[in-house]
């Protein structure tokens, strides 16, 4: 009897089980109140398990992918991926400003004060210099994702070049064996990811119960227009920018199929508010559902989890206009251009972890001379804004990876979510049950 119930439970795709846990956790937090916060350790465990996997996945998937790359191919893939990331982030910031100017969030809202933590705006030179680690071991220890990506990429490419150019059979075979071991480690890591996501049903339930028990609906109601504006900006970014690019740039597939392939990562990102924390799930969606070659997603997704913060760009642009409205400050065309440039730059330097966007918001406010105290006011709805922005970020990562894969012949449209049969190819997280 117990085995039958367990099998029936696991026959439901994981994404739906997580969604149910999300809803039930939120309801429990609202109904029970503060006592529901006792579930916080269960949610924290889920976050720690995901964070535990981030660095190993980045290192070994990059190494596994790089073994198939030549310097010329790496330059072609890297150029298309980085170019798309910059374009989509600029569009996101522009959409955020358009939505903010139309809806004017903050008008008529009474400011209640608060304190903010200041941050110094990173220069473009600093952003690029910080990519190169002076101490790779320290970069690994600190979880500096962009530096880890750079070092692993250079190391892996060096091994691939040495394998193909060496005259020593001993060296060639040794590097080949190393890459075979890396492939085995990647498979083992994805098995661990599957197990962590099974626990994710409980983890997401606990996270939402704790969040709603702690914050309730009061803070959300007072800033409903801000939340609605960010949600609208995100909807426009996903539907117009991502799905529009997929349709217009010759993917040859219905864009809804892409959403079907990205749904696990989208739900997870909304649940845990961390682009880097969602990376294990994002990679599995790319591998099992979207059928993107590992040589491409192993490079583009870790990079995107670090620099592709379209959701942060939307959120920060709208929140800056919200702050201006709170204080009765008019932002002219010059101010808004400055705001857009700052938002794009800051989003590149924003860490893909919960709460980072709130700190970096101070940079955006400083750029147009707005009081930083508004950050304390916005903090009341930061959990909601962060969830929306993170879901946007992860969707953008997969959209860019899909487009770049199409341009570089690194995607298989004959299987996965791209087939006409909706159930065909739904492997990994969705049907491992």
Foldseek 3Di string as FASTA:
>chain_A
DVVVVVVVVQQFFLLVLLVVLLVLLQVLLQPVFQVLLVLVVLLVVLLVLLVVLLLLLLLLLQLLLLLPDAPVLCVLLVVLLVVLLLVLLLVLLVLLQVLCVVLVFQAPFADDWFDADADAFDDPVRLVVVLDDPDQVVCSVVVVLSVSLVVSNVVSNVLSVCLVPPPDPVSVVVSVVVSVVSVVVNVVSLVSVLVSSVSSSSNLSSQSSSVCSVQPCPLCVSRVSLLVSLLVSLVCSCVCVLQVCCVPVPVVFRSVLLCLLCSSLLSVCLRFLFLSSSLSVLVCSVVQAQQFASSNLSNLSSLLSQARQSSLSSSLSSVLSSLCSNVVHDQDPVNSVQLSVSSNSLSRHFHRHQPSSLNSSSVSNVSNVGDNRCSRSCVSCSSNSSSSRRSSSSSSSSSSSSSSSSVSVGGDCPFHSNDPPNPTRPDRSGRPD
